[in-house]
Protein backbone atom coordinates (compact mmCIF):
# COMPACT_ATOMS: atom_id res chain seq x y z
CA MET A 1 18.55 355.83 -33.79
CA PRO A 2 16.55 353.18 -35.70
CA GLU A 3 12.78 353.71 -35.82
CA LEU A 4 10.02 351.11 -35.94
CA GLN A 5 7.60 352.19 -38.66
CA ARG A 6 4.34 350.73 -39.89
CA LEU A 7 4.88 349.33 -43.39
CA HIS A 8 3.83 351.61 -46.25
CA ALA A 9 4.21 351.66 -50.03
CA GLY A 10 7.33 353.81 -49.92
CA HIS A 11 9.22 351.12 -47.99
CA ALA A 12 9.18 348.69 -50.94
CA PRO A 13 12.66 349.43 -52.40
CA ALA A 14 14.38 349.32 -49.00
CA VAL A 15 12.54 346.14 -47.96
CA LEU A 16 13.50 344.40 -51.20
CA ALA A 17 17.13 345.47 -50.76
CA PHE A 18 17.03 344.13 -47.18
CA GLU A 19 15.59 340.78 -48.29
CA LEU A 20 18.10 340.37 -51.14
CA ALA A 21 21.13 341.38 -49.06
CA ASN A 22 20.20 338.92 -46.29
CA ARG A 23 18.74 336.04 -48.31
CA ALA A 24 21.55 333.55 -47.63
CA TYR A 25 21.76 334.59 -43.98
CA PHE A 26 18.02 334.03 -43.46
CA ALA A 27 18.05 330.69 -45.32
CA ALA A 28 20.52 329.32 -42.75
CA SER A 29 17.85 329.41 -40.02
CA ILE A 30 14.47 329.66 -41.77
CA SER A 31 13.09 328.41 -45.07
CA ASP A 32 14.17 330.35 -48.14
CA ARG A 33 11.38 332.38 -49.72
CA GLY A 34 12.25 331.15 -53.21
CA ASP A 35 13.01 333.05 -56.40
CA GLU A 36 9.36 333.83 -57.09
CA PHE A 37 9.17 335.95 -53.91
CA TYR A 38 11.85 338.29 -55.28
CA GLU A 39 10.55 338.22 -58.85
CA ARG A 40 7.04 339.17 -57.69
CA PHE A 41 8.08 341.32 -54.74
CA ALA A 42 6.00 344.35 -55.78
CA ASP A 43 2.84 342.21 -55.88
CA ARG A 44 3.62 340.67 -52.48
CA HIS A 45 4.32 344.08 -50.94
CA SER A 46 1.00 345.40 -52.27
CA ALA A 47 -0.78 342.31 -50.91
CA LEU A 48 0.70 342.91 -47.43
CA LEU A 49 -0.48 346.51 -47.52
CA ALA A 50 -3.98 345.35 -48.52
CA GLU A 51 -4.00 342.81 -45.65
CA GLN A 52 -2.91 345.54 -43.26
CA GLU A 53 -5.61 347.89 -44.54
CA ALA A 54 -8.21 345.12 -44.12
CA GLY A 55 -7.17 344.61 -40.50
CA LEU A 56 -5.70 341.14 -41.00
CA GLY A 57 -2.25 342.09 -39.76
CA ALA A 58 0.11 344.86 -38.82
CA TYR A 59 3.46 344.93 -40.59
CA HIS A 60 6.45 346.97 -39.46
CA VAL A 61 10.00 347.70 -40.53
CA LEU A 62 12.89 348.89 -38.41
CA VAL A 63 14.42 351.74 -40.40
CA ALA A 64 17.96 353.07 -39.91
CA GLU A 65 18.73 356.79 -40.07
CA ASP A 66 19.91 356.35 -43.67
CA GLY A 67 16.55 354.84 -44.69
CA SER A 68 17.78 351.27 -44.96
CA VAL A 69 15.74 348.49 -43.41
CA LEU A 70 17.36 346.71 -40.46
CA GLY A 71 14.49 344.33 -39.78
CA ARG A 72 10.91 343.27 -40.40
CA PHE A 73 8.44 342.70 -37.55
CA ASN A 74 4.98 341.40 -38.39
CA LEU A 75 1.81 340.69 -36.47
CA ILE A 76 -0.71 338.40 -38.13
CA PHE A 77 -4.07 338.55 -36.40
CA VAL A 78 -5.31 334.97 -35.97
CA GLU A 79 -8.22 335.14 -33.51
CA ASP A 80 -9.83 337.43 -30.98
CA GLY A 81 -7.03 339.25 -29.20
CA THR A 82 -4.22 337.00 -30.46
CA ALA A 83 -1.60 337.50 -33.15
CA GLU A 84 1.35 335.55 -34.48
CA LEU A 85 4.64 337.42 -34.41
CA GLY A 86 7.23 337.00 -37.12
CA TYR A 87 10.50 338.88 -37.44
CA ARG A 88 13.89 338.93 -39.09
CA VAL A 89 16.85 341.27 -38.73
CA ALA A 90 19.78 342.03 -41.01
CA ARG A 91 22.93 340.03 -40.49
CA HIS A 92 25.04 343.09 -39.73
CA VAL A 93 22.90 343.99 -36.69
CA ALA A 94 22.24 340.45 -35.43
CA GLY A 95 23.50 339.68 -31.94
CA ARG A 96 23.38 343.32 -30.82
CA GLY A 97 20.02 343.33 -29.06
CA VAL A 98 18.20 344.92 -32.01
CA ALA A 99 15.68 342.09 -32.37
CA THR A 100 15.03 341.82 -28.62
CA THR A 101 14.55 345.57 -28.19
CA THR A 102 12.25 345.78 -31.20
CA VAL A 103 10.20 342.72 -30.24
CA ARG A 104 9.67 344.29 -26.79
CA GLU A 105 8.54 347.54 -28.46
CA LEU A 106 6.20 345.60 -30.76
CA CYS A 107 4.72 343.84 -27.71
CA ARG A 108 3.93 347.26 -26.25
CA LEU A 109 2.35 348.39 -29.52
CA ALA A 110 0.43 345.12 -29.83
CA ALA A 111 -1.29 345.85 -26.52
CA THR A 112 -1.70 349.61 -26.73
CA ARG A 113 -2.27 350.26 -30.45
CA TYR A 114 -3.80 347.00 -31.65
CA GLY A 115 -5.61 345.89 -28.49
CA LEU A 116 -4.05 342.44 -28.49
CA ARG A 117 -3.89 340.28 -25.39
CA THR A 118 -1.61 337.46 -26.56
CA LEU A 119 1.28 337.07 -28.97
CA ARG A 120 2.55 333.74 -30.27
CA ALA A 121 5.70 333.00 -32.23
CA ALA A 122 7.06 329.74 -33.60
CA THR A 123 10.75 329.06 -34.04
CA SER A 124 12.67 326.05 -35.21
CA ARG A 125 14.67 324.11 -32.65
CA ASP A 126 17.91 324.97 -34.43
CA ASN A 127 17.22 328.73 -34.37
CA VAL A 128 18.79 329.38 -30.95
CA ALA A 129 19.12 333.12 -31.59
CA SER A 130 15.38 333.51 -32.09
CA GLN A 131 14.66 331.42 -29.01
CA LYS A 132 16.86 333.78 -26.98
CA VAL A 133 15.14 336.85 -28.41
CA LEU A 134 11.72 335.50 -27.52
CA THR A 135 12.75 334.48 -24.02
CA LYS A 136 14.39 337.85 -23.31
CA ALA A 137 11.23 339.58 -24.58
CA GLY A 138 9.06 337.71 -22.08
CA PHE A 139 7.80 334.80 -24.19
CA VAL A 140 7.61 331.29 -22.75
CA PRO A 141 7.58 327.94 -24.60
CA VAL A 142 4.05 326.51 -24.76
CA GLY A 143 4.38 323.44 -26.97
CA PRO A 144 5.61 321.95 -30.21
CA ALA A 145 5.11 323.75 -33.51
CA ASP A 146 3.97 321.81 -36.54
CA PRO A 147 6.94 321.44 -38.92
CA ALA A 148 4.61 322.50 -41.77
CA HIS A 149 4.42 325.91 -40.05
CA LEU A 150 8.23 326.18 -40.03
CA GLY A 151 9.15 325.06 -43.53
CA GLY A 152 9.50 321.42 -42.54
CA ARG A 153 11.61 322.04 -39.44
CA ALA A 154 10.73 320.87 -35.94
CA GLY A 155 10.11 323.73 -33.54
CA THR A 156 8.40 325.25 -30.57
CA TRP A 157 5.60 327.74 -30.05
CA TYR A 158 6.33 330.59 -27.66
CA GLN A 159 3.68 332.82 -26.14
CA ARG A 160 3.51 336.11 -24.28
CA ASP A 161 0.45 337.41 -22.52
CA LEU A 162 0.30 341.18 -22.84
CA MET A 163 -0.59 343.33 -19.88
CA VAL A 164 -1.18 347.07 -19.96
CA GLN A 165 -0.57 349.35 -16.97
CA PRO A 166 -3.75 351.30 -16.13
CA ARG A 167 -3.39 354.97 -17.11
CA GLY A 168 -2.92 357.56 -14.41
CA ARG A 169 -1.90 355.07 -11.72
CA ARG A 170 1.39 353.71 -10.58
CA SER A 171 0.64 350.23 -9.47
CA SER A 172 2.39 346.91 -9.23
CA GLN A 173 -0.75 345.31 -10.62
CA SER A 174 -1.48 345.17 -14.31
CA ARG A 175 -4.67 344.40 -16.12
CA PRO A 176 -5.28 342.83 -19.50
CA SER A 177 -5.76 345.14 -22.42
CA THR A 178 -9.40 345.76 -23.29
CA GLY A 179 -8.76 347.37 -26.67
CA ARG A 180 -10.27 346.35 -30.00
CA THR A 181 -10.23 342.80 -31.22
CA SER A 182 -7.65 341.48 -33.60
CA GLY A 183 -9.62 342.44 -36.68
CA THR A 184 -10.37 338.94 -37.95
């Protein structure tokens, strides 16, 4: 069973292999990262870990039983209680519910572990698969996304308000999370 893990230094080789193996697949729906990303991958990985340590974001990988990376799922803390969600999954698991299931799990973690109240995600209009993932995970469209935010592509912002069930009670009512702020 794949496991969602918080990014750490030991993930670097598997993450790089994931990015290289899926580069052309990703470029079909999102902007290519460019050669420099791969040439300086170790520096970028270290920078992400430093951002995570500083409380600027929370970065995760979905790891298969064999240690390979099946997907990346990132939260970038942007303001009090809000984070931007970004994700990508390997071509060989796309269309199997992996992204939807993992985004739902990350929503739960965003509320319970990181104290977030709102998640936002932008997707290009031509990325129908990502739109479906977001919708199935409880996100709703809230307005246009600036093409500069999506590598020059027109798109839409989606948002999900996170609610946490009070502990020790079974209730049909939920309340907003009152955990820590986003860390910015």
